[in-house]
Amino acid sequence: MRLEEEILQDSFQSECHRAILNIFYTYHWLVERLRTILKPFGITMQQYNILRILRGQQRQPIGIQEIQRRMLDKSSDVSRLVDRLVRRKLVTRTESQADRRRKEVVITEQGLRLLERLDPQIQAMDQVCRTLSDREVQLLNELLDKLRG
């Protein structure tokens, strides 16, 4: 459905303004879909992002600051989010042997199992691109990368 129909607005200041609003609208539309998937598992999008980052580490410890750097939502309070994941036994946090001020985080087996249960539903989100050809999806990615500079 066209943005105009979704937000009941006939005109925009410019095509660029329409594009920016369209990106915002689409972002929130995607976020709501992801929240719906994650809610039954009792985790937030930010917690899911941390678990995804840790799985990519292949059981190698990573510091809180490095997690923060890789987060999609840079404003997240990573320490607080990690605390919640530790309480749920989805990750462990220990002091670094090299630097006692540094806390290192590793995903647990329980965390990996949770991600395995989520994977099919997350992969099903690829269906949001079903109306686009492979070339259009590639072009969309290129344009979004170009927009961010």
Protein backbone atom coordinates (compact mmCIF):
# COMPACT_ATOMS: atom_id res chain seq x y z
CA MET A 1 0.00 0.00 0.00
CA ARG A 2 1.24 3.48 -0.83
CA LEU A 3 2.45 5.70 2.01
CA GLU A 4 -0.23 8.27 1.20
CA GLU A 5 -2.94 5.70 1.88
CA GLU A 6 -1.27 4.41 5.04
CA ILE A 7 -0.90 7.78 6.75
CA LEU A 8 -3.82 9.53 5.01
CA GLN A 9 -1.72 12.35 3.59
CA ASP A 10 -2.07 13.51 0.01
CA SER A 11 1.04 15.60 -0.42
CA PHE A 12 4.55 16.05 0.90
CA GLN A 13 7.03 18.92 0.93
CA SER A 14 9.18 17.03 -1.58
CA GLU A 15 9.92 13.55 -2.87
CA CYS A 16 12.85 13.45 -0.45
CA HIS A 17 10.51 14.27 2.46
CA ARG A 18 8.17 11.50 1.27
CA ALA A 19 11.11 9.07 1.06
CA ILE A 20 12.26 9.90 4.61
CA LEU A 21 8.74 9.44 6.00
CA ASN A 22 8.45 6.21 4.01
CA ILE A 23 11.66 4.89 5.57
CA PHE A 24 10.42 5.83 9.08
CA TYR A 25 7.04 4.23 8.43
CA THR A 26 8.59 1.06 7.02
CA TYR A 27 11.05 0.85 9.93
CA HIS A 28 8.19 0.91 12.45
CA TRP A 29 6.22 -1.60 10.37
CA LEU A 30 9.19 -4.00 10.41
CA VAL A 31 9.87 -3.42 14.13
CA GLU A 32 6.29 -4.34 14.99
CA ARG A 33 6.58 -7.58 13.02
CA LEU A 34 9.81 -8.47 14.85
CA ARG A 35 8.36 -7.60 18.26
CA THR A 36 5.44 -9.92 17.54
CA ILE A 37 7.89 -12.76 16.85
CA LEU A 38 10.04 -12.08 19.94
CA LYS A 39 7.28 -11.43 22.48
CA PRO A 40 6.35 -15.10 23.13
CA PHE A 41 10.04 -15.78 23.85
CA GLY A 42 10.20 -12.99 26.42
CA ILE A 43 13.04 -11.03 24.84
CA THR A 44 13.30 -7.56 23.37
CA MET A 45 14.74 -6.59 20.01
CA GLN A 46 17.85 -5.25 21.72
CA GLN A 47 18.34 -8.50 23.66
CA TYR A 48 17.85 -10.47 20.45
CA ASN A 49 20.46 -8.25 18.78
CA ILE A 50 22.96 -9.01 21.57
CA LEU A 51 22.31 -12.76 21.33
CA ARG A 52 22.75 -12.59 17.55
CA ILE A 53 26.07 -10.74 17.96
CA LEU A 54 27.27 -13.27 20.54
CA ARG A 55 26.33 -16.24 18.37
CA GLY A 56 28.44 -14.71 15.62
CA GLN A 57 31.38 -14.73 18.03
CA GLN A 58 31.29 -18.55 18.03
CA ARG A 59 31.70 -18.81 21.81
CA GLN A 60 34.61 -16.34 21.88
CA PRO A 61 34.33 -13.71 24.64
CA ILE A 62 33.49 -10.17 23.62
CA GLY A 63 33.54 -6.98 25.68
CA ILE A 64 30.51 -4.83 26.48
CA GLN A 65 31.94 -1.92 24.46
CA GLU A 66 32.39 -4.11 21.38
CA ILE A 67 28.80 -5.33 21.70
CA GLN A 68 27.69 -1.67 21.94
CA ARG A 69 29.68 -0.85 18.79
CA ARG A 70 27.95 -3.64 16.84
CA MET A 71 24.42 -2.95 18.08
CA LEU A 72 21.81 -1.80 15.60
CA ASP A 73 20.36 0.47 18.31
CA LYS A 74 23.42 2.44 19.47
CA SER A 75 21.49 4.08 22.33
CA SER A 76 20.88 0.78 24.09
CA ASP A 77 22.14 0.35 27.66
CA VAL A 78 24.14 -2.77 26.89
CA SER A 79 25.22 -3.42 30.50
CA ARG A 80 21.62 -3.46 31.68
CA LEU A 81 20.54 -5.65 28.76
CA VAL A 82 23.38 -8.10 29.43
CA ASP A 83 22.37 -8.20 33.13
CA ARG A 84 18.90 -9.35 32.09
CA LEU A 85 20.32 -11.98 29.76
CA VAL A 86 22.63 -13.22 32.54
CA ARG A 87 19.64 -13.57 34.91
CA ARG A 88 17.89 -15.68 32.27
CA LYS A 89 21.08 -17.77 31.85
CA LEU A 90 21.25 -16.90 28.15
CA VAL A 91 24.75 -15.40 28.49
CA THR A 92 27.61 -15.38 30.97
CA ARG A 93 29.67 -12.35 31.95
CA THR A 94 33.12 -12.63 33.50
CA GLU A 95 36.09 -10.40 34.22
CA SER A 96 38.75 -10.36 31.55
CA GLN A 97 41.99 -12.07 32.60
CA ALA A 98 43.99 -9.38 30.79
CA ASP A 99 42.06 -6.34 32.10
CA ARG A 100 39.99 -6.73 35.26
CA ARG A 101 37.95 -3.62 34.39
CA ARG A 102 36.74 -5.26 31.20
CA LYS A 103 33.71 -7.56 31.33
CA GLU A 104 33.55 -10.32 28.73
CA VAL A 105 30.29 -11.86 27.56
CA VAL A 106 29.67 -15.28 25.99
CA ILE A 107 26.41 -16.85 24.84
CA THR A 108 25.37 -20.00 26.72
CA GLU A 109 23.93 -23.24 25.36
CA GLN A 110 20.54 -22.05 26.57
CA GLY A 111 21.01 -18.82 24.59
CA LEU A 112 21.97 -20.77 21.48
CA ARG A 113 18.92 -23.01 21.85
CA LEU A 114 16.67 -19.96 22.12
CA LEU A 115 18.12 -18.55 18.90
CA GLU A 116 17.66 -21.91 17.17
CA ARG A 117 13.98 -21.82 18.13
CA LEU A 118 13.70 -18.25 16.82
CA ASP A 119 15.62 -18.79 13.57
CA PRO A 120 12.73 -20.17 11.46
CA GLN A 121 10.44 -17.31 12.44
CA ILE A 122 13.14 -14.69 11.87
CA GLN A 123 13.95 -16.24 8.49
CA ALA A 124 10.24 -16.11 7.65
CA MET A 125 10.51 -12.32 7.89
CA ASP A 126 12.29 -12.53 4.54
CA GLN A 127 8.76 -12.82 3.18
CA VAL A 128 8.40 -9.05 3.55
CA CYS A 129 10.55 -8.86 0.41
CA ARG A 130 8.34 -11.27 -1.54
CA THR A 131 6.91 -8.44 -3.66
CA LEU A 132 10.41 -7.47 -4.83
CA SER A 133 12.64 -9.28 -7.31
CA ASP A 134 16.13 -10.34 -6.23
CA ARG A 135 17.53 -7.43 -8.26
CA GLU A 136 15.14 -4.97 -6.57
CA VAL A 137 16.19 -6.20 -3.12
CA GLN A 138 19.85 -5.78 -4.11
CA LEU A 139 19.10 -2.28 -5.43
CA LEU A 140 17.22 -1.40 -2.23
CA ASN A 141 20.25 -2.44 -0.17
CA GLU A 142 22.58 -0.43 -2.41
CA LEU A 143 20.37 2.66 -2.18
CA LEU A 144 20.05 2.44 1.61
CA ASP A 145 23.83 2.02 1.95
CA LYS A 146 24.36 4.98 -0.38
CA LEU A 147 21.87 7.11 1.59
CA ARG A 148 23.88 6.57 4.79
CA GLY A 149 27.05 7.59 2.96
